[in-house]
């Protein structure tokens, strides 16, 4: 599949973003190209989990980015928008093509290499990313600092200005809400 190339559309004023946060924690990347590089592989895994076919998943991811490109300036949370739109496109595709019969030896073999557990896991990971993208930036930052940067509560407290007990309290409630949302979406346990 041919890679997409997007023009760099700079953000308006970054006054709302705290200067102390690193670039990776801003709620909106500087341009769609940066977002594409950061999110393409995760979106592709999510789409494969939803539709089960890599070629279709690639087309859906490409279509999602093309749609975002048209309305880039209007979208405040592009990561959340991408996952939600990709999910909707995938569901539309599945509805409109219930019995895709394009099975050649190559596609049948590639689909056989994606066991149901892998597809379920990819869908679960994609749902977690969707839910994280829809969280307020302050909650997403706490999760990122704890689980991506692997920081202790004391270090998170220093970086955020929250008390150590407040960090623990907020993380507990954020993770509980995340687990409840996953259960509501039909995803339970570590296996998806």
Protein backbone atom coordinates (compact mmCIF):
# COMPACT_ATOMS: atom_id res chain seq x y z
CA UNK A 1 0.00 0.00 0.00
CA UNK A 2 1.30 3.40 -0.92
CA UNK A 3 2.09 5.69 2.03
CA UNK A 4 0.04 8.82 2.45
CA UNK A 5 1.70 12.22 2.50
CA UNK A 6 -0.06 15.04 4.30
CA UNK A 7 0.69 18.70 4.20
CA UNK A 8 1.77 20.18 7.50
CA UNK A 9 -1.11 22.16 8.92
CA UNK A 10 0.19 24.03 11.98
CA UNK A 11 -1.94 24.45 15.06
CA UNK A 12 -3.26 27.83 15.96
CA UNK A 13 -1.99 29.30 19.22
CA UNK A 14 -0.69 26.75 21.72
CA UNK A 15 -1.63 28.98 24.66
CA UNK A 16 -4.00 26.42 26.15
CA UNK A 17 -1.27 23.79 26.46
CA UNK A 18 0.85 23.83 29.60
CA UNK A 19 4.44 24.71 28.80
CA UNK A 20 5.72 22.16 31.32
CA UNK A 21 4.26 19.21 29.41
CA UNK A 22 6.44 17.52 26.80
CA UNK A 23 5.33 17.71 23.15
CA UNK A 24 4.01 14.12 23.26
CA UNK A 25 1.41 15.06 25.87
CA UNK A 26 -0.25 17.83 23.88
CA UNK A 27 -3.83 16.97 23.06
CA UNK A 28 -3.35 17.78 19.36
CA UNK A 29 -0.15 17.19 17.38
CA UNK A 30 1.35 20.05 15.40
CA UNK A 31 0.25 18.50 12.10
CA UNK A 32 -1.57 15.52 10.64
CA UNK A 33 1.68 13.97 9.36
CA UNK A 34 2.97 13.66 12.93
CA UNK A 35 -0.32 12.12 14.00
CA UNK A 36 -0.18 9.68 11.07
CA UNK A 37 3.31 8.50 12.03
CA UNK A 38 2.29 8.05 15.68
CA UNK A 39 -1.09 6.37 15.19
CA UNK A 40 -1.07 4.49 11.86
CA UNK A 41 0.14 1.13 13.18
CA UNK A 42 -2.22 1.15 16.17
CA UNK A 43 -5.16 2.08 13.97
CA UNK A 44 -4.22 -0.64 11.50
CA UNK A 45 -4.12 -3.30 14.25
CA UNK A 46 -7.49 -2.06 15.51
CA UNK A 47 -9.01 -2.18 12.02
CA UNK A 48 -7.66 -5.70 11.41
CA UNK A 49 -9.27 -6.76 14.68
CA UNK A 50 -12.58 -5.34 13.50
CA UNK A 51 -12.70 -6.51 9.86
CA UNK A 52 -10.28 -9.44 9.92
CA UNK A 53 -8.57 -8.61 6.62
CA UNK A 54 -5.39 -6.58 6.36
CA UNK A 55 -6.07 -5.20 2.89
CA UNK A 56 -9.51 -3.90 3.89
CA UNK A 57 -8.10 -2.57 7.16
CA UNK A 58 -5.42 -0.59 5.30
CA UNK A 59 -8.05 0.97 3.06
CA UNK A 60 -10.20 1.91 6.06
CA UNK A 61 -7.26 3.52 7.87
CA UNK A 62 -6.35 5.45 4.74
CA UNK A 63 -9.95 6.64 4.31
CA UNK A 64 -10.09 7.70 7.95
CA UNK A 65 -6.97 9.85 7.62
CA UNK A 66 -8.23 11.38 4.38
CA UNK A 67 -11.47 12.36 6.10
CA UNK A 68 -9.57 13.82 9.05
CA UNK A 69 -7.34 15.80 6.68
CA UNK A 70 -10.41 17.55 5.24
CA UNK A 71 -11.59 18.75 8.68
CA UNK A 72 -8.27 18.96 10.58
CA UNK A 73 -8.81 22.52 11.83
CA UNK A 74 -12.23 21.66 13.26
CA UNK A 75 -11.19 18.59 15.30
CA UNK A 76 -10.03 19.21 18.88
CA UNK A 77 -9.16 15.59 19.73
CA UNK A 78 -7.87 13.96 16.53
CA UNK A 79 -6.81 10.69 18.17
CA UNK A 80 -10.28 10.08 19.57
CA UNK A 81 -11.82 11.18 16.29
CA UNK A 82 -9.63 8.74 14.35
CA UNK A 83 -10.51 5.71 16.46
CA UNK A 84 -14.21 6.54 16.55
CA UNK A 85 -14.36 7.21 12.81
CA UNK A 86 -12.35 4.09 11.98
CA UNK A 87 -14.71 2.00 14.09
CA UNK A 88 -17.71 3.50 12.31
CA UNK A 89 -16.15 2.92 8.87
CA UNK A 90 -15.33 -0.68 9.79
CA UNK A 91 -18.87 -1.34 11.04
CA UNK A 92 -20.29 0.22 7.87
CA UNK A 93 -18.00 -1.98 5.78
CA UNK A 94 -19.07 -5.12 7.65
CA UNK A 95 -22.73 -4.16 7.30
CA UNK A 96 -22.42 -3.41 3.57
CA UNK A 97 -20.27 -6.49 2.79
CA UNK A 98 -21.61 -9.31 4.97
CA UNK A 99 -20.43 -12.11 2.74
CA UNK A 100 -17.24 -10.99 1.07
CA UNK A 101 -16.31 -13.91 -1.11
CA UNK A 102 -12.88 -12.76 -2.28
CA UNK A 103 -10.99 -15.80 -1.03
CA UNK A 104 -7.93 -16.73 -2.98
CA UNK A 105 -5.19 -19.04 -1.73
CA UNK A 106 -3.19 -15.99 -0.61
CA UNK A 107 -6.00 -14.30 1.35
CA UNK A 108 -7.20 -17.56 2.86
CA UNK A 109 -3.67 -18.31 4.03
CA UNK A 110 -3.13 -14.83 5.49
CA UNK A 111 -6.47 -14.93 7.30
CA UNK A 112 -5.64 -18.34 8.73
CA UNK A 113 -2.54 -16.85 10.33
CA UNK A 114 -4.72 -14.46 12.37
CA UNK A 115 -6.30 -16.69 15.01
CA UNK A 116 -9.44 -15.54 16.79
CA UNK A 117 -7.45 -14.77 19.95
CA UNK A 118 -5.19 -12.38 18.04
CA UNK A 119 -8.16 -10.63 16.46
CA UNK A 120 -9.86 -10.33 19.86
CA UNK A 121 -6.69 -8.93 21.39
CA UNK A 122 -6.28 -6.39 18.58
CA UNK A 123 -9.87 -5.27 19.03
CA UNK A 124 -9.37 -4.95 22.80
CA UNK A 125 -6.18 -2.91 22.33
CA UNK A 126 -7.94 -0.69 19.83
CA UNK A 127 -10.85 -0.16 22.22
CA UNK A 128 -8.44 0.80 25.01
CA UNK A 129 -6.78 3.31 22.67
CA UNK A 130 -10.17 4.68 21.69
CA UNK A 131 -11.22 5.09 25.31
CA UNK A 132 -7.87 6.68 26.22
CA UNK A 133 -8.15 9.10 23.31
CA UNK A 134 -11.59 10.18 24.51
CA UNK A 135 -10.39 10.84 28.09
CA UNK A 136 -9.64 14.34 29.28
CA UNK A 137 -5.97 15.20 28.74
CA UNK A 138 -5.28 15.37 32.49
CA UNK A 139 -6.44 11.76 32.99
CA UNK A 140 -4.65 10.56 29.87
CA UNK A 141 -1.45 12.20 31.15
CA UNK A 142 -1.67 10.34 34.46
CA UNK A 143 -2.10 7.01 32.68
CA UNK A 144 0.77 7.82 30.31
CA UNK A 145 3.10 8.80 33.15
CA UNK A 146 2.27 5.68 35.15
CA UNK A 147 2.16 3.03 32.43
CA UNK A 148 4.12 4.41 29.50
CA UNK A 149 6.84 6.28 31.39
CA UNK A 150 6.68 3.74 34.29
CA UNK A 151 6.86 6.40 37.00
CA UNK A 152 6.09 5.99 40.69
CA UNK A 153 3.33 8.08 42.30
CA UNK A 154 5.91 10.40 43.92
CA UNK A 155 7.50 11.24 40.56
CA UNK A 156 4.08 11.73 38.95
CA UNK A 157 3.22 14.04 41.83
CA UNK A 158 6.32 16.16 41.15
CA UNK A 159 5.55 16.41 37.44
CA UNK A 160 1.85 17.20 37.78
CA UNK A 161 1.73 19.21 40.99
CA UNK A 162 -0.85 16.81 42.47
CA UNK A 163 -0.34 15.27 45.89
CA UNK A 164 0.81 11.65 45.96
CA UNK A 165 -2.50 10.52 47.44
CA UNK A 166 -4.43 12.47 44.80
CA UNK A 167 -2.39 10.79 42.05
CA UNK A 168 -3.34 7.39 43.46
CA UNK A 169 -6.98 8.37 43.90
CA UNK A 170 -7.34 9.78 40.39
CA UNK A 171 -5.50 6.87 38.74
CA UNK A 172 -7.71 4.40 40.61
CA UNK A 173 -10.88 6.09 39.36
CA UNK A 174 -9.58 6.55 35.81
CA UNK A 175 -8.65 2.86 35.58
CA UNK A 176 -11.94 1.78 37.15
CA UNK A 177 -13.86 3.84 34.59
CA UNK A 178 -11.70 2.40 31.81
CA UNK A 179 -12.42 -1.17 32.99
CA UNK A 180 -16.15 -0.42 33.27
CA UNK A 181 -16.19 0.98 29.72
CA UNK A 182 -14.35 -2.08 28.42
CA UNK A 183 -16.84 -4.40 30.12
CA UNK A 184 -19.68 -2.36 28.67
CA UNK A 185 -18.10 -2.83 25.22
CA UNK A 186 -17.99 -6.60 25.80
CA UNK A 187 -14.28 -6.86 26.52
CA UNK A 188 -13.29 -8.53 29.77
CA UNK A 189 -10.03 -9.90 31.10
CA UNK A 190 -6.50 -9.59 29.78
CA UNK A 191 -7.26 -11.76 26.75
CA UNK A 192 -9.90 -9.38 25.32
